[in-house]
Amino acid sequence: MREHVGEWPQAEENRVSGPKVLLVVGGGIAAYKSCELVRLIRKGGGDVTCVLTDGGSQFVTPMALAALSENKVYTSLFDLKNEVEMGHIQLSRQADLVVVCPATADLLAKMAAGIADDLATTLILATDKPVLAVPAMNVKMWLHDATRRNVAWLREAGVEVMEPDEGPMACGEFGPGRLPEPEIVWAEIAARFGIAADCEPQPDLLEALEPEDEVEAEARGGNALGSLLSSLIPRKTPRREPVDDAERAGEEAFANDDSAEEPHIEELPPEEEIGPDVVPDLAAPIMAKKGKAKAAPPTDVEALNHTVVTGAGDQLPEVLGQPAVQAAADPLEGQPAFDIDPDHRPLYGRHVLVTAGPTHEPIDPVRYIANRSSGKQGFAIAAAAAALGARVTLVAGPVNLPTPLGVDRIDVISAREMADAVKKALPADAAVMVAAVADWRSKEYAVEKMKKRGSAPPALLLTENPDILAQVAAGKQRPKLLVGFAAETEDVIENAKTKRKRKAADWIVANDVTAVDGKGVMGGDANAVHIVTGDGVEDLPEMPKNDVALALAERMAKALDTIDPRDA
C-alpha cells in the first residue's frame, strides 16, 4: 500500500459517514470482479453507487449490482426523470471518489480525449472529485503506443491509473493487462480515506516441488516397525501441562515438611589469616600502578568481538605481541576515482535515488532465494551521481561494498524492505533501479532449519514479491526521470523495449549477462550496456563499470535539464 499526499483522505469532521464511491463498470470480461469490489466497499463501511456502461451490461446485470450496493444502478444518460434534475451532474458531485473498474482501452481513450458520449464518460468529464482508473485489457492493447500515451495524459491530468496485473488472460495470451484482484483495488481505495483494509488477496502460489508423504520412508539400516514408530512418536518434548491446585498444594506441603532431609553442605577450610605486618609487593607483575591497568590479551585474536571501557571511551582490547594496525595512507582508498572538475556539477541540487545489489528472501534461518548481483554497477552509479553534485540516496541489498563518498546508504535484506525504503526515500528527481530484486519469496518461513527427510525434498510454496519499478512508476511521487535495468540472456534489446513499456519507465539500461568462457558481467568489473529510451537505443561498448556509471550520470543530467530546466 502506497502513501498518498494531498487531499485524498478526507477529515473525519467533513465526512458524516463512510466514503461515497461512484463505480463505473466498463465492458470487459473482468467486469464480473466489480461485484466483489462492491461487496468489499460495503463491508468496509463505504457507500457505492454503480454506473453500468452498455458493454458492462453484457457481463453483469443492473440487478446484481443493485442488490450488492443497495442503491439504484444508473445506465442511461437520457433518463427523463433523472435528467430533469441534471442527474449526471449530481452523481459526479455527490461522490468522494470516482472509480472506473474495469477501465477498458476504449474508456481510457475517451477519458484522455475528453469524449462524453454516454452517462459514464459524461460524469467522468463533469466530476470535480478524484478519479481512479483500474485498467483491464489484452496485453497487446495495454502495450500499444496509443494506450501508453493515453495513460500518460491521464496521469498528467491528475487521474490515478493503477498498473494492471500480469498473468494468463481469457484470450489465452499471457502478460500485463489483467484486472487486479478486488482486494487490491479496495486497498487502494481504503488508503485514500485512511481506512484499514481488513482483507488481503490470496497470492498466486507456485508449488516448486512435490509435497512429501505424511509418513517418512524407511530409515536406512532400520525396519518398517522403527519407521512407523518414528512417524508416530513426536520429535520434540511435549509442552508441560499447567499445574493444578492439588499438585501445587502437594508441592507446598513437601516444602514445609521439617522431616525432609536437608542436603549435605561440605564446609570449606578456614582461610589463612593475614597478619597486620604483612606488606603487599606492589612491584609484582600481578599488580598495576594507578592508571596503568590494561585489559588482558585474549587467547584468540580473531575473537575480538567486544570493547572495554577506557579513559578515551570504549576501545578494542590491546593485543600484546601483535603489530599495530597501520592506517591506510590514502583515506579514499577503495573509492572510485572520477576526474571531475569541481566547477562541473550538472546534478547539483538534484536528488537521485539508486537501488543496488540483490535481495535475499529467507526460506529458513540458513537458506534463501536470491538473484545473482554483486552490486558494483549500482554503487558505481551512486558514486558517479554524487561526484556530479547530486544528493544521492542508495538503497542497498546485502553486499560487501564500501559506501561511496557523499552517499546516504540504507541497507535492506528482502524485497519488501527495499520497497518500503524506496517509498520513504521519495520524492526524488531521478531514480535508477539497478537492484536485482528476487521475483518470488517463500510463502511460509520456517523458524527452524528444514531437515532432509527420506528421498523427497520438502514442498516449497512461492508467492510474488512487489514490483518496485512498476510501483514507483505508478505512484503519486513518480520521479521526473525513472531508469530501470534489465539483465537479459537473449533478445536483449527487444526484451528491454517491452520491459520499458510494461513498467512505464523512461529508460531501460539492458545488458547481456551470458557468461563466455566462464567470465560474465556478474561480479566482474566491466559492462557493456544498451540504453533504451523512447527516442531509440544507444549502445555503449564494453568498459569499466565506473565509466558506464559516469556515462549514465552525465546523460541523466542532460535529460533532467531538458525535462525540468533550472531557473536562470
Protein backbone atom coordinates (compact mmCIF):
# COMPACT_ATOMS: atom_id res chain seq x y z
CA MET A 1 0.00 0.00 0.00
CA ARG A 2 1.43 3.37 -1.02
CA GLU A 3 1.46 6.58 0.96
CA HIS A 4 -0.61 9.33 -0.61
CA VAL A 5 -0.28 13.08 -0.24
CA GLY A 6 -2.67 15.91 -0.99
CA GLU A 7 -6.38 15.88 -0.32
CA TRP A 8 -7.18 12.21 -0.94
CA PRO A 9 -8.08 11.33 2.69
CA GLN A 10 -10.93 13.47 3.93
CA ALA A 11 -11.05 14.66 7.51
CA GLU A 12 -13.46 12.82 9.75
CA GLU A 13 -15.32 16.01 10.67
CA ASN A 14 -16.08 16.57 6.98
CA ARG A 15 -17.39 13.05 6.42
CA VAL A 16 -20.51 12.12 8.32
CA SER A 17 -20.48 8.52 7.09
CA GLY A 18 -18.22 6.15 5.18
CA PRO A 19 -16.70 7.15 1.83
CA LYS A 20 -19.08 7.53 -1.09
CA VAL A 21 -17.74 5.78 -4.17
CA LEU A 22 -19.12 6.17 -7.68
CA LEU A 23 -18.19 2.95 -9.51
CA VAL A 24 -18.14 3.00 -13.32
CA VAL A 25 -18.23 -0.57 -14.68
CA GLY A 26 -16.75 -0.81 -18.17
CA GLY A 27 -17.31 -3.51 -20.77
CA GLY A 28 -14.95 -6.44 -20.46
CA ILE A 29 -14.80 -9.98 -19.17
CA ALA A 30 -13.23 -8.64 -15.97
CA ALA A 31 -16.47 -6.77 -15.20
CA TYR A 32 -17.60 -9.70 -13.08
CA LYS A 33 -14.96 -8.71 -10.48
CA SER A 34 -16.81 -5.42 -9.94
CA CYS A 35 -19.46 -7.32 -7.96
CA GLU A 36 -16.84 -8.47 -5.44
CA LEU A 37 -15.41 -4.94 -5.31
CA VAL A 38 -18.87 -3.57 -4.42
CA ARG A 39 -19.15 -6.14 -1.63
CA LEU A 40 -15.74 -5.20 -0.20
CA ILE A 41 -16.51 -1.47 -0.25
CA ARG A 42 -19.80 -2.08 1.52
CA LYS A 43 -18.09 -4.35 4.05
CA GLY A 44 -15.54 -1.60 4.73
CA GLY A 45 -18.29 0.88 5.57
CA GLY A 46 -18.48 2.69 2.24
CA ASP A 47 -21.45 3.60 0.10
CA VAL A 48 -21.40 2.57 -3.58
CA THR A 49 -23.39 3.89 -6.49
CA CYS A 50 -22.85 1.99 -9.75
CA VAL A 51 -22.89 3.30 -13.31
CA LEU A 52 -23.06 0.46 -15.83
CA THR A 53 -21.95 1.02 -19.42
CA ASP A 54 -23.59 -0.73 -22.36
CA GLY A 55 -20.57 -3.01 -22.66
CA GLY A 56 -20.54 -3.74 -18.94
CA SER A 57 -24.19 -4.80 -19.04
CA GLN A 58 -23.17 -7.68 -21.34
CA PHE A 59 -21.26 -9.27 -18.45
CA VAL A 60 -23.07 -8.19 -15.26
CA THR A 61 -26.67 -7.14 -14.72
CA PRO A 62 -28.01 -4.00 -13.06
CA MET A 63 -29.99 -6.23 -10.71
CA ALA A 64 -26.83 -7.89 -9.34
CA LEU A 65 -25.09 -4.56 -8.72
CA ALA A 66 -28.21 -3.04 -7.17
CA ALA A 67 -28.62 -5.98 -4.78
CA LEU A 68 -24.99 -5.78 -3.66
CA SER A 69 -24.78 -1.98 -3.40
CA GLU A 70 -28.34 -1.45 -2.08
CA ASN A 71 -28.51 1.58 -4.37
CA LYS A 72 -30.03 2.28 -7.74
CA VAL A 73 -27.83 1.42 -10.74
CA TYR A 74 -27.62 4.07 -13.49
CA THR A 75 -27.28 3.01 -17.11
CA SER A 76 -28.59 5.76 -19.38
CA LEU A 77 -27.73 9.40 -19.87
CA PHE A 78 -31.14 10.11 -21.35
CA ASP A 79 -33.25 9.22 -18.33
CA LEU A 80 -36.06 11.77 -18.41
CA LYS A 81 -36.79 11.62 -14.66
CA ASN A 82 -33.18 11.96 -13.57
CA GLU A 83 -32.08 14.48 -16.18
CA VAL A 84 -34.84 16.89 -15.19
CA GLU A 85 -32.64 17.43 -12.13
CA MET A 86 -29.39 17.12 -14.10
CA GLY A 87 -28.75 13.69 -12.62
CA HIS A 88 -25.34 13.13 -14.21
CA ILE A 89 -24.05 16.35 -12.62
CA GLN A 90 -25.39 15.35 -9.20
CA LEU A 91 -23.86 11.88 -9.49
CA SER A 92 -20.44 13.34 -10.21
CA ARG A 93 -20.70 15.81 -7.32
CA GLN A 94 -22.08 13.57 -4.58
CA ALA A 95 -19.25 11.01 -4.65
CA ASP A 96 -15.99 11.31 -2.73
CA LEU A 97 -14.15 9.22 -5.33
CA VAL A 98 -14.90 8.03 -8.87
CA VAL A 99 -13.57 4.54 -9.63
CA VAL A 100 -13.51 3.21 -13.20
CA CYS A 101 -13.22 -0.57 -12.92
CA PRO A 102 -12.61 -2.19 -15.28
CA ALA A 103 -11.22 0.64 -17.41
CA THR A 104 -11.06 -0.73 -20.94
CA ALA A 105 -8.82 0.66 -23.68
CA ASP A 106 -11.90 2.34 -25.15
CA LEU A 107 -12.81 4.02 -21.86
CA LEU A 108 -9.23 5.20 -21.27
CA ALA A 109 -9.07 6.65 -24.79
CA LYS A 110 -12.36 8.52 -24.32
CA MET A 111 -11.25 9.82 -20.92
CA ALA A 112 -7.94 11.05 -22.36
CA ALA A 113 -9.66 12.73 -25.33
CA GLY A 114 -12.47 14.25 -23.25
CA ILE A 115 -15.22 12.43 -25.12
CA ALA A 116 -18.61 12.40 -23.35
CA ASP A 117 -20.98 10.26 -25.42
CA ASP A 118 -22.68 8.24 -22.64
CA LEU A 119 -23.50 8.54 -18.95
CA ALA A 120 -20.16 7.11 -17.75
CA THR A 121 -17.87 9.35 -19.83
CA THR A 122 -20.11 12.39 -19.23
CA LEU A 123 -19.93 12.19 -15.45
CA ILE A 124 -16.18 11.43 -15.55
CA LEU A 125 -15.68 14.63 -17.54
CA ALA A 126 -18.06 16.59 -15.29
CA THR A 127 -16.70 15.47 -11.93
CA ASP A 128 -14.55 17.61 -9.70
CA LYS A 129 -13.58 14.66 -7.47
CA PRO A 130 -10.52 12.36 -7.68
CA VAL A 131 -10.70 9.64 -10.32
CA LEU A 132 -9.12 6.19 -10.00
CA ALA A 133 -8.89 4.06 -13.17
CA VAL A 134 -8.20 0.32 -12.98
CA PRO A 135 -7.20 -0.91 -16.47
CA ALA A 136 -8.10 -4.34 -17.87
CA MET A 137 -7.44 -5.33 -21.46
CA ASN A 138 -5.44 -7.58 -23.77
CA VAL A 139 -1.67 -7.46 -23.34
CA LYS A 140 -1.10 -6.09 -26.85
CA MET A 141 -3.70 -3.39 -26.27
CA TRP A 142 -2.06 -2.38 -22.97
CA LEU A 143 1.40 -2.21 -24.55
CA HIS A 144 0.19 -0.32 -27.63
CA ASP A 145 1.70 3.13 -28.03
CA ALA A 146 -1.75 4.73 -28.18
CA THR A 147 -2.76 3.23 -24.82
CA ARG A 148 0.55 4.17 -23.22
CA ARG A 149 0.09 7.73 -24.49
CA ASN A 150 -3.47 7.89 -23.14
CA VAL A 151 -2.36 6.63 -19.73
CA ALA A 152 0.43 9.22 -19.62
CA TRP A 153 -2.02 12.02 -20.49
CA LEU A 154 -4.47 10.89 -17.83
CA ARG A 155 -1.76 10.79 -15.17
CA GLU A 156 -0.62 14.27 -16.15
CA ALA A 157 -4.23 15.41 -15.78
CA GLY A 158 -4.35 14.04 -12.22
CA VAL A 159 -6.15 10.76 -12.86
CA GLU A 160 -4.73 7.89 -10.80
CA VAL A 161 -4.16 4.92 -13.15
CA MET A 162 -3.27 1.65 -11.43
CA GLU A 163 -0.90 -0.81 -13.07
CA PRO A 164 -2.64 -3.99 -14.28
CA ASP A 165 -1.58 -7.41 -13.10
CA GLU A 166 0.50 -9.75 -15.23
CA GLY A 167 -0.65 -13.29 -15.96
CA PRO A 168 -2.80 -15.52 -18.18
CA MET A 169 -5.81 -13.90 -19.82
CA ALA A 170 -9.21 -15.08 -21.00
CA CYS A 171 -8.00 -14.74 -24.61
CA GLY A 172 -5.25 -17.28 -23.95
CA GLU A 173 -2.33 -14.84 -24.02
CA PHE A 174 -0.01 -14.01 -21.13
CA GLY A 175 1.30 -10.65 -19.97
CA PRO A 176 0.30 -7.38 -18.31
CA GLY A 177 -3.33 -6.36 -18.67
CA ARG A 178 -5.23 -8.45 -16.12
CA LEU A 179 -7.52 -6.58 -13.77
CA PRO A 180 -6.00 -6.52 -10.26
CA GLU A 181 -7.85 -8.56 -7.67
CA PRO A 182 -10.76 -6.72 -5.99
CA GLU A 183 -8.90 -6.83 -2.65
CA ILE A 184 -6.02 -4.84 -4.20
CA VAL A 185 -8.41 -2.25 -5.64
CA TRP A 186 -10.24 -1.94 -2.31
CA ALA A 187 -6.91 -1.48 -0.52
CA GLU A 188 -6.09 1.42 -2.87
CA ILE A 189 -9.49 2.99 -2.22
CA ALA A 190 -9.26 2.49 1.54
CA ALA A 191 -5.80 4.09 1.67
CA ARG A 192 -7.21 7.35 0.32
CA PHE A 193 -9.70 7.60 3.17
CA GLY A 194 -7.43 6.38 5.97
CA ILE A 195 -9.37 3.13 6.30
CA ALA A 196 -7.59 -0.10 7.22
CA ALA A 197 -8.45 -2.72 4.60
CA ASP A 198 -9.16 -5.88 6.58
CA CYS A 199 -8.77 -8.16 3.58
CA GLU A 200 -5.72 -9.49 1.79
CA PRO A 201 -5.79 -11.14 -1.65
CA GLN A 202 -4.83 -14.77 -1.83
CA PRO A 203 -1.47 -14.81 -3.62
CA ASP A 204 -0.82 -16.97 -6.62
CA LEU A 205 1.12 -19.86 -5.16
CA LEU A 206 3.72 -21.77 -7.12
CA GLU A 207 4.42 -25.26 -5.85
CA ALA A 208 8.07 -25.70 -6.71
CA LEU A 209 8.46 -29.29 -5.54
CA GLU A 210 6.28 -32.30 -4.95
CA PRO A 211 4.88 -32.45 -1.38
CA GLU A 212 6.18 -35.09 0.98
CA ASP A 213 4.18 -38.07 2.14
CA GLU A 214 2.90 -37.90 5.69
CA VAL A 215 4.85 -40.98 6.77
CA GLU A 216 8.58 -40.91 6.19
CA ALA A 217 10.38 -43.50 4.17
CA GLU A 218 12.04 -46.37 5.99
CA ALA A 219 15.18 -45.19 7.75
CA ARG A 220 18.44 -46.53 6.46
CA GLY A 221 19.53 -49.58 8.41
CA GLY A 222 16.16 -49.73 10.26
CA ASN A 223 13.00 -51.72 9.79
CA ALA A 224 9.39 -50.98 8.97
CA LEU A 225 8.34 -51.00 12.64
CA GLY A 226 11.03 -48.47 13.57
CA SER A 227 9.97 -46.24 10.69
CA LEU A 228 6.34 -46.43 11.77
CA LEU A 229 7.19 -45.65 15.40
CA SER A 230 9.38 -42.71 14.36
CA SER A 231 6.44 -41.24 12.46
CA LEU A 232 4.12 -41.63 15.45
CA ILE A 233 6.38 -40.55 18.32
CA PRO A 234 6.77 -36.75 18.48
CA ARG A 235 10.31 -35.50 17.96
CA LYS A 236 10.02 -32.66 20.43
CA THR A 237 9.40 -32.71 24.15
CA PRO A 238 5.69 -32.11 24.77
CA ARG A 239 4.74 -28.83 26.36
CA ARG A 240 4.43 -29.04 30.12
CA GLU A 241 0.83 -29.06 31.29
CA PRO A 242 -0.19 -26.37 33.78
CA VAL A 243 -0.02 -27.43 37.42
CA ASP A 244 -3.42 -27.83 39.07
CA ASP A 245 -4.24 -26.68 42.62
CA ALA A 246 -3.95 -30.19 44.16
CA GLU A 247 -0.49 -30.73 42.75
CA ARG A 248 0.63 -27.24 43.82
CA ALA A 249 -0.67 -27.89 47.37
CA GLY A 250 1.31 -31.15 47.49
CA GLU A 251 4.50 -29.32 46.48
CA GLU A 252 3.96 -26.68 49.18
CA ALA A 253 3.38 -29.38 51.82
CA PHE A 254 6.60 -31.09 50.83
CA ALA A 255 8.48 -27.77 51.02
CA ASN A 256 7.19 -27.18 54.57
CA ASP A 257 7.95 -30.71 55.80
CA ASP A 258 10.64 -30.46 58.51
CA SER A 259 11.35 -34.18 58.22
CA ALA A 260 12.71 -33.78 54.73
CA GLU A 261 16.41 -34.49 54.62
CA GLU A 262 18.48 -31.35 54.09
CA PRO A 263 21.25 -31.52 51.50
CA HIS A 264 24.76 -32.01 52.89
CA ILE A 265 26.91 -28.90 52.50
CA GLU A 266 30.63 -29.51 52.75
CA GLU A 267 32.36 -26.96 54.91
CA LEU A 268 35.33 -25.18 53.38
CA PRO A 269 38.59 -24.95 55.35
CA PRO A 270 39.12 -21.61 57.06
CA GLU A 271 41.15 -19.07 55.18
CA GLU A 272 44.63 -18.30 56.36
CA GLU A 273 44.62 -15.15 58.36
CA ILE A 274 46.89 -12.34 57.19
CA GLY A 275 48.75 -10.61 59.93
CA PRO A 276 48.91 -6.84 60.18
CA ASP A 277 52.67 -6.87 59.49
CA VAL A 278 52.30 -8.36 56.02
CA VAL A 279 53.07 -5.75 53.32
CA PRO A 280 51.95 -6.49 49.69
CA ASP A 281 54.59 -6.33 46.97
CA LEU A 282 53.31 -3.51 44.75
CA ALA A 283 56.10 -4.05 42.24
CA ALA A 284 54.92 -7.55 41.42
CA PRO A 285 53.61 -8.06 37.86
CA ILE A 286 50.20 -9.11 39.18
CA MET A 287 49.64 -5.58 40.48
CA ALA A 288 49.33 -2.46 38.36
CA LYS A 289 50.15 1.10 39.28
CA LYS A 290 47.36 3.62 39.44
CA GLY A 291 46.07 4.49 35.97
CA LYS A 292 48.27 1.86 34.26
CA ALA A 293 45.90 -1.12 34.22
CA LYS A 294 45.32 -2.78 30.85
CA ALA A 295 42.93 -5.41 29.57
CA ALA A 296 44.29 -8.93 29.46
CA PRO A 297 45.07 -10.17 25.93
CA PRO A 298 42.59 -12.72 24.54
CA THR A 299 43.81 -16.17 23.67
CA ASP A 300 42.31 -15.90 20.18
CA VAL A 301 43.00 -12.70 18.28
CA GLU A 302 40.10 -13.44 15.92
CA ALA A 303 37.70 -13.42 18.90
CA LEU A 304 37.86 -9.64 19.39
CA ASN A 305 34.12 -9.07 19.46
CA HIS A 306 33.81 -6.72 22.43
CA THR A 307 35.08 -3.40 23.75
CA VAL A 308 36.46 -2.27 27.10
CA VAL A 309 35.87 0.98 28.95
CA THR A 310 38.95 3.24 28.92
CA GLY A 311 39.64 6.86 29.68
CA ALA A 312 39.24 7.60 25.97
CA GLY A 313 35.92 5.80 25.69
CA ASP A 314 35.08 2.26 24.55
CA GLN A 315 38.08 0.71 22.79
CA LEU A 316 39.05 -2.70 21.48
CA PRO A 317 41.25 -4.68 23.88
CA GLU A 318 45.01 -4.26 23.31
CA VAL A 319 46.54 -7.33 21.72
CA LEU A 320 50.02 -7.95 23.14
CA GLY A 321 52.65 -9.13 20.72
CA GLN A 322 50.67 -8.04 17.64
CA PRO A 323 51.90 -5.25 15.37
CA ALA A 324 49.82 -2.11 15.47
CA VAL A 325 47.38 -1.72 12.57
CA GLN A 326 48.60 0.98 10.25
CA ALA A 327 46.01 3.36 8.89
CA ALA A 328 45.67 3.47 5.14
CA ALA A 329 47.87 6.11 3.61
CA ASP A 330 45.01 7.21 1.34
CA PRO A 331 41.71 7.76 3.19
CA LEU A 332 39.88 7.44 -0.15
CA GLU A 333 41.33 4.02 -0.86
CA GLY A 334 38.74 1.71 -2.42
CA GLN A 335 36.54 4.54 -3.66
CA PRO A 336 36.01 5.06 -7.42
CA ALA A 337 38.10 7.92 -8.74
CA PHE A 338 36.22 10.26 -11.09
CA ASP A 339 38.24 13.04 -12.67
CA ILE A 340 35.55 15.69 -12.33
CA ASP A 341 36.14 19.40 -12.48
CA PRO A 342 34.82 20.80 -9.15
CA ASP A 343 33.01 23.53 -11.12
CA HIS A 344 31.32 20.91 -13.32
CA ARG A 345 28.42 19.68 -11.18
CA PRO A 346 25.43 19.31 -13.51
CA LEU A 347 23.45 17.34 -10.91
CA TYR A 348 23.90 19.88 -8.12
CA GLY A 349 20.59 20.44 -6.32
CA ARG A 350 19.09 17.20 -7.66
CA HIS A 351 18.07 14.20 -5.56
CA VAL A 352 18.98 10.86 -7.14
CA LEU A 353 17.66 7.57 -5.71
CA VAL A 354 19.61 4.39 -6.56
CA THR A 355 18.90 0.76 -5.68
CA ALA A 356 21.69 -1.81 -5.88
CA GLY A 357 22.60 -5.38 -5.06
CA PRO A 358 20.37 -8.44 -4.64
CA THR A 359 17.60 -9.16 -2.18
CA HIS A 360 17.52 -12.27 0.00
CA GLU A 361 14.15 -13.92 0.58
CA PRO A 362 14.53 -16.29 3.57
CA ILE A 363 13.24 -19.85 3.42
CA ASP A 364 14.57 -20.84 6.84
CA PRO A 365 17.38 -19.48 9.06
CA VAL A 366 20.10 -20.79 6.70
CA ARG A 367 18.56 -20.75 3.21
CA TYR A 368 17.18 -18.01 0.99
CA ILE A 369 16.09 -17.19 -2.59
CA ALA A 370 18.06 -14.55 -4.46
CA ASN A 371 19.13 -13.24 -7.86
CA ARG A 372 22.84 -13.02 -8.61
CA SER A 373 24.21 -9.50 -8.18
CA SER A 374 27.46 -8.03 -6.87
CA GLY A 375 26.04 -4.51 -6.51
CA LYS A 376 29.12 -2.99 -8.18
CA GLN A 377 27.25 -1.26 -11.02
CA GLY A 378 24.66 0.29 -8.71
CA PHE A 379 27.28 1.51 -6.24
CA ALA A 380 29.30 2.98 -9.14
CA ILE A 381 26.22 4.88 -10.38
CA ALA A 382 25.60 6.25 -6.89
CA ALA A 383 29.23 7.38 -6.66
CA ALA A 384 29.12 9.00 -10.11
CA ALA A 385 25.90 10.89 -9.34
CA ALA A 386 27.42 12.17 -6.09
CA ALA A 387 30.59 13.22 -7.95
CA LEU A 388 28.39 15.28 -10.30
CA GLY A 389 26.88 17.10 -7.34
CA ALA A 390 23.68 15.19 -6.64
CA ARG A 391 22.28 14.32 -3.24
CA VAL A 392 22.23 10.53 -3.50
CA THR A 393 20.20 8.01 -1.52
CA LEU A 394 21.44 4.44 -2.03
CA VAL A 395 19.14 1.57 -1.01
CA ALA A 396 21.46 -1.43 -0.96
CA GLY A 397 20.76 -5.12 -0.63
CA PRO A 398 23.14 -7.47 1.20
CA VAL A 399 26.52 -6.72 -0.42
CA ASN A 400 30.03 -6.30 0.95
CA LEU A 401 30.95 -2.96 -0.65
CA PRO A 402 32.13 0.32 0.91
CA THR A 403 29.70 3.23 0.90
CA PRO A 404 30.62 5.77 -1.81
CA LEU A 405 31.64 9.22 -0.63
CA GLY A 406 28.81 11.68 -0.16
CA VAL A 407 26.11 8.99 -0.40
CA ASP A 408 23.36 8.28 2.14
CA ARG A 409 23.13 4.49 2.36
CA ILE A 410 20.17 2.41 3.56
CA ASP A 411 20.82 -1.33 3.97
CA VAL A 412 17.97 -3.79 3.45
CA ILE A 413 17.65 -7.56 3.11
CA SER A 414 14.36 -8.51 1.46
CA ALA A 415 12.34 -7.13 -1.46
CA ARG A 416 9.59 -5.87 0.83
CA GLU A 417 12.15 -4.00 2.94
CA MET A 418 13.62 -2.46 -0.22
CA ALA A 419 10.17 -1.41 -1.47
CA ASP A 420 9.44 0.25 1.87
CA ALA A 421 12.82 2.04 1.91
CA VAL A 422 12.33 3.30 -1.66
CA LYS A 423 8.88 4.65 -0.80
CA LYS A 424 10.25 6.51 2.21
CA ALA A 425 13.17 7.93 0.16
CA LEU A 426 10.83 9.60 -2.35
CA PRO A 427 10.38 12.20 -3.73
CA ALA A 428 13.43 12.29 -5.98
CA ASP A 429 14.32 13.98 -9.26
CA ALA A 430 15.65 10.73 -10.72
CA ALA A 431 15.51 7.08 -9.67
CA VAL A 432 17.83 4.41 -11.03
CA MET A 433 16.60 0.91 -10.18
CA VAL A 434 19.71 -1.26 -10.56
CA ALA A 435 18.93 -3.81 -7.82
CA ALA A 436 18.33 -7.43 -8.83
CA VAL A 437 15.17 -7.90 -6.79
CA ALA A 438 14.09 -11.51 -6.28
CA ASP A 439 10.89 -12.17 -8.20
CA TRP A 440 9.47 -14.61 -5.66
CA ARG A 441 9.67 -15.35 -1.96
CA SER A 442 8.66 -18.33 0.14
CA LYS A 443 5.08 -18.06 1.35
CA GLU A 444 5.91 -19.73 4.65
CA TYR A 445 9.10 -19.03 6.61
CA ALA A 446 10.40 -21.99 8.63
CA VAL A 447 11.68 -20.77 12.01
CA GLU A 448 13.95 -23.82 12.25
CA LYS A 449 16.23 -25.31 9.63
CA MET A 450 14.37 -27.64 7.30
CA LYS A 451 15.85 -31.14 7.56
CA LYS A 452 16.28 -33.73 4.87
CA ARG A 453 13.76 -36.49 5.43
CA GLY A 454 13.65 -39.51 3.20
CA SER A 455 14.19 -39.18 -0.52
CA ALA A 456 11.61 -36.45 -1.29
CA PRO A 457 12.53 -32.78 -0.85
CA PRO A 458 10.13 -30.55 1.09
CA ALA A 459 7.38 -28.66 -0.70
CA LEU A 460 8.22 -25.00 -1.29
CA LEU A 461 5.34 -22.63 -1.99
CA LEU A 462 6.28 -19.34 -3.65
CA THR A 463 4.46 -16.02 -3.92
CA GLU A 464 5.36 -12.91 -5.92
CA ASN A 465 7.37 -10.03 -4.48
CA PRO A 466 6.32 -6.40 -5.03
CA ASP A 467 7.35 -4.91 -8.39
CA ILE A 468 9.27 -1.89 -7.10
CA LEU A 469 9.91 -0.31 -10.51
CA ALA A 470 6.24 -0.55 -11.52
CA GLN A 471 5.09 0.77 -8.14
CA VAL A 472 7.35 3.83 -8.40
CA ALA A 473 6.20 4.43 -12.00
CA ALA A 474 2.53 4.36 -10.96
CA GLY A 475 2.98 6.32 -7.72
CA LYS A 476 1.98 9.88 -6.95
CA GLN A 477 5.66 10.74 -6.31
CA ARG A 478 7.00 9.39 -9.59
CA PRO A 479 10.46 10.84 -10.30
CA LYS A 480 10.90 13.08 -13.33
CA LEU A 481 13.34 10.51 -14.76
CA LEU A 482 12.82 6.83 -13.99
CA VAL A 483 15.52 4.37 -15.11
CA GLY A 484 15.25 0.60 -14.86
CA PHE A 485 17.79 -2.15 -15.53
CA ALA A 486 17.29 -5.39 -17.44
CA ALA A 487 19.68 -8.34 -17.22
CA GLU A 488 18.95 -10.48 -20.27
CA THR A 489 20.35 -13.63 -21.87
CA GLU A 490 18.61 -13.41 -25.26
CA ASP A 491 16.89 -10.80 -27.45
CA VAL A 492 18.39 -8.18 -25.17
CA ILE A 493 17.14 -5.04 -26.91
CA GLU A 494 13.68 -6.34 -27.80
CA ASN A 495 13.08 -7.57 -24.27
CA ALA A 496 14.27 -4.23 -22.92
CA LYS A 497 11.85 -2.32 -25.18
CA THR A 498 8.99 -4.49 -23.98
CA LYS A 499 10.00 -4.02 -20.34
CA ARG A 500 10.18 -0.24 -20.72
CA LYS A 501 6.58 -0.13 -21.92
CA ARG A 502 5.34 -2.68 -19.41
CA LYS A 503 6.95 -0.95 -16.44
CA ALA A 504 6.18 2.60 -17.70
CA ALA A 505 9.85 3.56 -17.24
CA ASP A 506 11.60 6.37 -19.12
CA TRP A 507 14.79 4.40 -19.77
CA ILE A 508 15.80 0.77 -19.56
CA VAL A 509 19.51 0.01 -19.36
CA ALA A 510 19.96 -3.53 -20.68
CA ASN A 511 22.97 -5.80 -20.68
CA ASP A 512 23.73 -9.36 -21.73
CA VAL A 513 24.69 -11.39 -18.66
CA THR A 514 25.53 -14.58 -20.56
CA ALA A 515 28.91 -15.88 -19.38
CA VAL A 516 31.53 -16.59 -22.05
CA ASP A 517 34.42 -18.92 -21.16
CA GLY A 518 33.35 -18.74 -17.54
CA LYS A 519 33.53 -14.93 -17.49
CA GLY A 520 30.49 -12.66 -17.38
CA VAL A 521 29.13 -9.37 -16.12
CA MET A 522 28.05 -10.86 -12.78
CA GLY A 523 30.71 -9.94 -10.25
CA GLY A 524 33.04 -8.53 -12.91
CA ASP A 525 34.41 -5.02 -13.25
CA ALA A 526 33.35 -4.34 -16.86
CA ASN A 527 30.00 -3.96 -18.56
CA ALA A 528 28.51 -3.27 -22.00
CA VAL A 529 25.03 -1.74 -21.93
CA HIS A 530 22.25 -0.58 -24.24
CA ILE A 531 20.26 2.50 -23.18
CA VAL A 532 16.68 2.04 -24.44
CA THR A 533 14.59 5.23 -24.41
CA GLY A 534 11.50 6.48 -26.19
CA ASP A 535 13.78 8.06 -28.81
CA GLY A 536 15.75 4.93 -29.66
CA VAL A 537 18.64 2.77 -28.49
CA GLU A 538 22.16 3.93 -27.63
CA ASP A 539 24.85 1.26 -27.41
CA LEU A 540 27.80 1.72 -25.07
CA PRO A 541 30.81 -0.53 -25.73
CA GLU A 542 32.35 -2.66 -23.02
CA MET A 543 34.12 -0.51 -20.47
CA PRO A 544 34.79 -0.47 -16.72
CA LYS A 545 31.64 -0.21 -14.63
CA ASN A 546 32.80 3.10 -13.21
CA ASP A 547 32.95 4.53 -16.76
CA VAL A 548 29.50 3.12 -17.52
CA ALA A 549 28.20 4.80 -14.35
CA LEU A 550 29.71 8.18 -15.26
CA ALA A 551 28.30 7.99 -18.80
CA LEU A 552 24.82 7.25 -17.42
CA ALA A 553 25.05 10.02 -14.81
CA GLU A 554 26.05 12.60 -17.44
CA ARG A 555 23.15 11.57 -19.70
CA MET A 556 20.77 11.72 -16.75
CA ALA A 557 21.92 15.29 -16.00
CA LYS A 558 21.22 16.38 -19.59
CA ALA A 559 17.81 14.67 -19.58
CA LEU A 560 16.81 16.34 -16.30
CA ASP A 561 17.84 19.76 -17.63
CA THR A 562 15.51 19.13 -20.57
CA ILE A 563 12.61 17.74 -18.53
CA ASP A 564 12.94 20.18 -15.62
CA PRO A 565 15.04 23.20 -16.63
CA ARG A 566 16.64 25.14 -13.81
CA ASP A 567 15.71 28.73 -13.17
CA ALA A 568 18.13 31.06 -14.86
